Amino acid sequence: MLASEHDWPSGARALLARFTHLNLPDGEWPWHYGGNFPKDLPDEAGATHIGMFVVWALLSGLAGDIHVRDFPDTIPNLRSHSLTPGKFFLEMCDGKFTDEDLTEEGNAFALAYFDFEKGSYLRDYEATLGKNVTTLYHVEDTWTNFDRLKIVLEQRFIEWKSKRQ
């Protein structure tokens, strides 16, 4: 169980920092800086939890203009499962999740869902995918895991939208 913000994968802290415009230097992959990233995993394992959310948002109609207009092959490539969510995040988003990635509605949802005090993404991620792994970083970057998490994300988005109306 994730007891406090300090136990959360630091990628979530980096995501929140990006959404609040506290940018890190280019080329620094922040998801395990200062965290407890396991030495037995490749760095790419630190992108899985963010990649799952980003890909879900893009496939759910929340893709920003950068993915719709500037890179129109993004959504069809995701639908074809040519890259796993974490790999997509690293290769196509350069390991960065910014407000350009999502629509205004998508950004509003991301900010609410990743909020450390009120948000529930990491708790949902852990409850859905973290039961049989050593750490949340050990969750496999697969479309099967994505499909399991997608059900929860869709429900959370519906709940969030109903509260906004």
C-alpha atoms as a PDB file:
ATOM      1  CA  MET A   1       0.000   0.000   0.000  1.00  0.00           C
ATOM      2  CA  LEU A   2       1.216   3.502  -0.788  1.00  0.00           C
ATOM      3  CA  ALA A   3       1.354   5.259   2.535  1.00  0.00           C
ATOM      4  CA  SER A   4       2.464   8.718   1.526  1.00  0.00           C
ATOM      5  CA  GLU A   5       3.518  10.881  -1.403  1.00  0.00           C
ATOM      6  CA  HIS A   6       7.133   9.828  -0.752  1.00  0.00           C
ATOM      7  CA  ASP A   7       6.216   6.198  -1.462  1.00  0.00           C
ATOM      8  CA  TRP A   8       4.610   7.042  -4.798  1.00  0.00           C
ATOM      9  CA  PRO A   9       6.529   6.334  -7.973  1.00  0.00           C
ATOM     10  CA  SER A  10       8.431   9.527  -8.540  1.00  0.00           C
ATOM     11  CA  GLY A  11       7.156   9.587 -12.127  1.00  0.00           C
ATOM     12  CA  ALA A  12       3.827  10.741 -10.755  1.00  0.00           C
ATOM     13  CA  ARG A  13       5.595  13.528  -8.895  1.00  0.00           C
ATOM     14  CA  ALA A  14       7.365  14.461 -12.152  1.00  0.00           C
ATOM     15  CA  LEU A  15       4.049  14.443 -13.998  1.00  0.00           C
ATOM     16  CA  LEU A  16       2.514  16.793 -11.480  1.00  0.00           C
ATOM     17  CA  ALA A  17       5.595  18.998 -11.725  1.00  0.00           C
ATOM     18  CA  ARG A  18       5.181  19.165 -15.494  1.00  0.00           C
ATOM     19  CA  PHE A  19       1.531  20.099 -15.184  1.00  0.00           C
ATOM     20  CA  THR A  20       2.428  22.861 -12.768  1.00  0.00           C
ATOM     21  CA  HIS A  21       5.177  24.052 -15.131  1.00  0.00           C
ATOM     22  CA  LEU A  22       8.124  23.088 -12.927  1.00  0.00           C
ATOM     23  CA  ASN A  23      10.144  21.704 -15.811  1.00  0.00           C
ATOM     24  CA  LEU A  24      13.216  19.554 -15.488  1.00  0.00           C
ATOM     25  CA  PRO A  25      16.198  19.884 -17.821  1.00  0.00           C
ATOM     26  CA  ASP A  26      15.821  18.157 -21.186  1.00  0.00           C
ATOM     27  CA  GLY A  27      17.232  14.669 -21.253  1.00  0.00           C
ATOM     28  CA  GLU A  28      16.610  13.972 -17.578  1.00  0.00           C
ATOM     29  CA  TRP A  29      14.161  11.165 -17.065  1.00  0.00           C
ATOM     30  CA  PRO A  30      12.817  12.003 -13.631  1.00  0.00           C
ATOM     31  CA  TRP A  31      10.641   9.037 -12.730  1.00  0.00           C
ATOM     32  CA  HIS A  32      13.116   7.487 -10.365  1.00  0.00           C
ATOM     33  CA  TYR A  33      15.295  10.374  -9.237  1.00  0.00           C
ATOM     34  CA  GLY A  34      15.182  10.469  -5.471  1.00  0.00           C
ATOM     35  CA  GLY A  35      12.818   7.501  -5.431  1.00  0.00           C
ATOM     36  CA  ASN A  36      13.200   3.838  -4.721  1.00  0.00           C
ATOM     37  CA  PHE A  37      13.611   2.621  -8.285  1.00  0.00           C
ATOM     38  CA  PRO A  38      14.667  -1.044  -8.258  1.00  0.00           C
ATOM     39  CA  LYS A  39      18.194  -1.687  -9.524  1.00  0.00           C
ATOM     40  CA  ASP A  40      17.088  -4.915 -11.212  1.00  0.00           C
ATOM     41  CA  LEU A  41      14.826  -3.097 -13.703  1.00  0.00           C
ATOM     42  CA  PRO A  42      15.682  -1.155 -16.836  1.00  0.00           C
ATOM     43  CA  ASP A  43      14.992   2.595 -16.697  1.00  0.00           C
ATOM     44  CA  GLU A  44      12.100   2.080 -19.108  1.00  0.00           C
ATOM     45  CA  ALA A  45      10.116   0.360 -16.364  1.00  0.00           C
ATOM     46  CA  GLY A  46       9.747   3.786 -14.769  1.00  0.00           C
ATOM     47  CA  ALA A  47       7.566   4.942 -17.664  1.00  0.00           C
ATOM     48  CA  THR A  48       4.862   2.299 -17.485  1.00  0.00           C
ATOM     49  CA  HIS A  49       2.508   3.986 -15.009  1.00  0.00           C
ATOM     50  CA  ILE A  50       2.529   7.320 -16.855  1.00  0.00           C
ATOM     51  CA  GLY A  51       2.450   5.687 -20.286  1.00  0.00           C
ATOM     52  CA  MET A  52      -0.696   3.775 -19.353  1.00  0.00           C
ATOM     53  CA  PHE A  53      -2.508   6.978 -18.434  1.00  0.00           C
ATOM     54  CA  VAL A  54      -1.280   8.979 -21.430  1.00  0.00           C
ATOM     55  CA  VAL A  55      -2.219   6.261 -23.905  1.00  0.00           C
ATOM     56  CA  TRP A  56      -5.640   5.808 -22.306  1.00  0.00           C
ATOM     57  CA  ALA A  57      -6.270   9.565 -22.584  1.00  0.00           C
ATOM     58  CA  LEU A  58      -5.170   9.695 -26.222  1.00  0.00           C
ATOM     59  CA  LEU A  59      -7.329   6.728 -27.164  1.00  0.00           C
ATOM     60  CA  SER A  60     -10.287   8.170 -25.240  1.00  0.00           C
ATOM     61  CA  GLY A  61     -10.643  11.307 -27.337  1.00  0.00           C
ATOM     62  CA  LEU A  62      -8.568  13.555 -25.061  1.00  0.00           C
ATOM     63  CA  ALA A  63      -5.581  13.895 -27.400  1.00  0.00           C
ATOM     64  CA  GLY A  64      -4.202  17.389 -27.835  1.00  0.00           C
ATOM     65  CA  ASP A  65      -3.511  19.002 -31.182  1.00  0.00           C
ATOM     66  CA  ILE A  66       0.098  17.838 -31.145  1.00  0.00           C
ATOM     67  CA  HIS A  67      -1.121  14.252 -31.524  1.00  0.00           C
ATOM     68  CA  VAL A  68      -4.119  15.013 -33.738  1.00  0.00           C
ATOM     69  CA  ARG A  69      -2.752  17.608 -36.174  1.00  0.00           C
ATOM     70  CA  ASP A  70       1.021  17.557 -35.903  1.00  0.00           C
ATOM     71  CA  PHE A  71       1.416  13.782 -35.647  1.00  0.00           C
ATOM     72  CA  PRO A  72      -1.787  12.340 -37.139  1.00  0.00           C
ATOM     73  CA  ASP A  73      -0.448   8.766 -37.130  1.00  0.00           C
ATOM     74  CA  THR A  74      -0.319   8.730 -33.326  1.00  0.00           C
ATOM     75  CA  ILE A  75      -3.833   7.454 -32.637  1.00  0.00           C
ATOM     76  CA  PRO A  76      -3.940   4.847 -35.457  1.00  0.00           C
ATOM     77  CA  ASN A  77      -0.529   3.536 -34.326  1.00  0.00           C
ATOM     78  CA  LEU A  78      -1.765   3.210 -30.758  1.00  0.00           C
ATOM     79  CA  ARG A  79      -4.900   1.418 -31.896  1.00  0.00           C
ATOM     80  CA  SER A  80      -2.723  -1.080 -33.763  1.00  0.00           C
ATOM     81  CA  HIS A  81      -0.739  -1.736 -30.561  1.00  0.00           C
ATOM     82  CA  SER A  82       2.516  -1.231 -32.457  1.00  0.00           C
ATOM     83  CA  LEU A  83       4.142   0.058 -29.248  1.00  0.00           C
ATOM     84  CA  THR A  84       3.294  -0.709 -25.640  1.00  0.00           C
ATOM     85  CA  PRO A  85       2.044   2.260 -23.571  1.00  0.00           C
ATOM     86  CA  GLY A  86       5.339   2.810 -21.747  1.00  0.00           C
ATOM     87  CA  LYS A  87       7.370   2.451 -24.927  1.00  0.00           C
ATOM     88  CA  PHE A  88       5.044   4.893 -26.705  1.00  0.00           C
ATOM     89  CA  PHE A  89       5.501   7.390 -23.882  1.00  0.00           C
ATOM     90  CA  LEU A  90       9.284   7.146 -24.085  1.00  0.00           C
ATOM     91  CA  GLU A  91       9.641   7.070 -27.859  1.00  0.00           C
ATOM     92  CA  MET A  92       6.843   9.329 -29.056  1.00  0.00           C
ATOM     93  CA  CYS A  93       6.513  11.721 -26.105  1.00  0.00           C
ATOM     94  CA  ASP A  94      10.224  11.747 -25.260  1.00  0.00           C
ATOM     95  CA  GLY A  95       9.309  10.661 -21.740  1.00  0.00           C
ATOM     96  CA  LYS A  96       7.492  13.931 -21.118  1.00  0.00           C
ATOM     97  CA  PHE A  97       3.819  14.479 -20.354  1.00  0.00           C
ATOM     98  CA  THR A  98       2.847  18.095 -20.894  1.00  0.00           C
ATOM     99  CA  ASP A  99      -0.349  20.053 -21.295  1.00  0.00           C
ATOM    100  CA  GLU A 100       0.153  19.885 -25.086  1.00  0.00           C
ATOM    101  CA  ASP A 101      -0.522  16.147 -24.993  1.00  0.00           C
ATOM    102  CA  LEU A 102      -4.152  16.555 -23.965  1.00  0.00           C
ATOM    103  CA  THR A 103      -7.198  18.662 -24.643  1.00  0.00           C
ATOM    104  CA  GLU A 104      -8.367  21.219 -22.100  1.00  0.00           C
ATOM    105  CA  GLU A 105     -10.759  18.648 -20.663  1.00  0.00           C
ATOM    106  CA  GLY A 106      -8.030  16.018 -20.612  1.00  0.00           C
ATOM    107  CA  ASN A 107      -5.683  18.335 -18.742  1.00  0.00           C
ATOM    108  CA  ALA A 108      -8.369  19.191 -16.197  1.00  0.00           C
ATOM    109  CA  PHE A 109      -9.005  15.500 -15.580  1.00  0.00           C
ATOM    110  CA  ALA A 110      -5.282  14.716 -15.359  1.00  0.00           C
ATOM    111  CA  LEU A 111      -4.751  17.465 -12.803  1.00  0.00           C
ATOM    112  CA  ALA A 112      -7.625  16.234 -10.651  1.00  0.00           C
ATOM    113  CA  TYR A 113      -6.814  12.548 -10.948  1.00  0.00           C
ATOM    114  CA  PHE A 114      -3.090  12.930 -10.181  1.00  0.00           C
ATOM    115  CA  ASP A 115      -3.559  15.384  -7.310  1.00  0.00           C
ATOM    116  CA  PHE A 116      -1.579  13.994  -4.375  1.00  0.00           C
ATOM    117  CA  GLU A 117      -4.192  14.708  -1.743  1.00  0.00           C
ATOM    118  CA  LYS A 118      -7.402  14.142  -3.668  1.00  0.00           C
ATOM    119  CA  GLY A 119      -6.412  12.168  -6.764  1.00  0.00           C
ATOM    120  CA  SER A 120      -6.618   8.431  -6.991  1.00  0.00           C
ATOM    121  CA  TYR A 121      -4.644   7.335 -10.061  1.00  0.00           C
ATOM    122  CA  LEU A 122      -1.783   5.664  -8.218  1.00  0.00           C
ATOM    123  CA  ARG A 123      -4.130   3.988  -5.778  1.00  0.00           C
ATOM    124  CA  ASP A 124      -6.200   2.719  -8.713  1.00  0.00           C
ATOM    125  CA  TYR A 125      -3.049   1.635 -10.549  1.00  0.00           C
ATOM    126  CA  GLU A 126      -1.849  -0.245  -7.504  1.00  0.00           C
ATOM    127  CA  ALA A 127      -5.237  -1.867  -6.793  1.00  0.00           C
ATOM    128  CA  THR A 128      -5.615  -2.950 -10.417  1.00  0.00           C
ATOM    129  CA  LEU A 129      -2.093  -3.958 -11.396  1.00  0.00           C
ATOM    130  CA  GLY A 130       0.082  -4.008  -8.290  1.00  0.00           C
ATOM    131  CA  LYS A 131      -1.163  -6.950  -6.289  1.00  0.00           C
ATOM    132  CA  ASN A 132       1.294  -9.585  -7.513  1.00  0.00           C
ATOM    133  CA  VAL A 133       4.409  -7.525  -8.142  1.00  0.00           C
ATOM    134  CA  THR A 134       7.338  -6.591  -5.931  1.00  0.00           C
ATOM    135  CA  THR A 135       6.892  -2.849  -6.561  1.00  0.00           C
ATOM    136  CA  LEU A 136       4.687  -0.800  -8.866  1.00  0.00           C
ATOM    137  CA  TYR A 137       7.721  -0.403 -11.111  1.00  0.00           C
ATOM    138  CA  HIS A 138       7.522  -4.160 -11.741  1.00  0.00           C
ATOM    139  CA  VAL A 139       4.118  -3.876 -13.448  1.00  0.00           C
ATOM    140  CA  GLU A 140       4.657  -5.166 -16.969  1.00  0.00           C
ATOM    141  CA  ASP A 141       4.233  -2.735 -19.819  1.00  0.00           C
ATOM    142  CA  THR A 142       1.693  -4.793 -21.781  1.00  0.00           C
ATOM    143  CA  TRP A 143      -1.571  -4.194 -23.578  1.00  0.00           C
ATOM    144  CA  THR A 144      -3.170  -6.830 -21.338  1.00  0.00           C
ATOM    145  CA  ASN A 145      -2.359  -4.726 -18.273  1.00  0.00           C
ATOM    146  CA  PHE A 146      -3.486  -1.614 -20.113  1.00  0.00           C
ATOM    147  CA  ASP A 147      -6.847  -3.235 -20.838  1.00  0.00           C
ATOM    148  CA  ARG A 148      -7.292  -4.075 -17.153  1.00  0.00           C
ATOM    149  CA  LEU A 149      -6.494  -0.505 -16.086  1.00  0.00           C
ATOM    150  CA  LYS A 150      -8.537   1.039 -18.902  1.00  0.00           C
ATOM    151  CA  ILE A 151     -11.771  -0.173 -17.286  1.00  0.00           C
ATOM    152  CA  VAL A 152     -10.931   1.710 -14.078  1.00  0.00           C
ATOM    153  CA  LEU A 153      -9.790   4.840 -15.927  1.00  0.00           C
ATOM    154  CA  GLU A 154     -12.993   4.971 -17.950  1.00  0.00           C
ATOM    155  CA  GLN A 155     -15.051   4.725 -14.772  1.00  0.00           C
ATOM    156  CA  ARG A 156     -13.033   7.433 -13.029  1.00  0.00           C
ATOM    157  CA  PHE A 157     -13.413   9.732 -16.028  1.00  0.00           C
ATOM    158  CA  ILE A 158     -17.196   9.215 -16.080  1.00  0.00           C
ATOM    159  CA  GLU A 159     -17.376   9.940 -12.336  1.00  0.00           C
ATOM    160  CA  TRP A 160     -15.221  13.058 -12.741  1.00  0.00           C
ATOM    161  CA  LYS A 161     -17.350  14.354 -15.614  1.00  0.00           C
ATOM    162  CA  SER A 162     -20.570  13.822 -13.672  1.00  0.00           C
ATOM    163  CA  LYS A 163     -19.227  15.896 -10.781  1.00  0.00           C
ATOM    164  CA  ARG A 164     -18.328  18.764 -13.132  1.00  0.00           C
ATOM    165  CA  GLN A 165     -21.847  19.100 -14.530  1.00  0.00           C
END
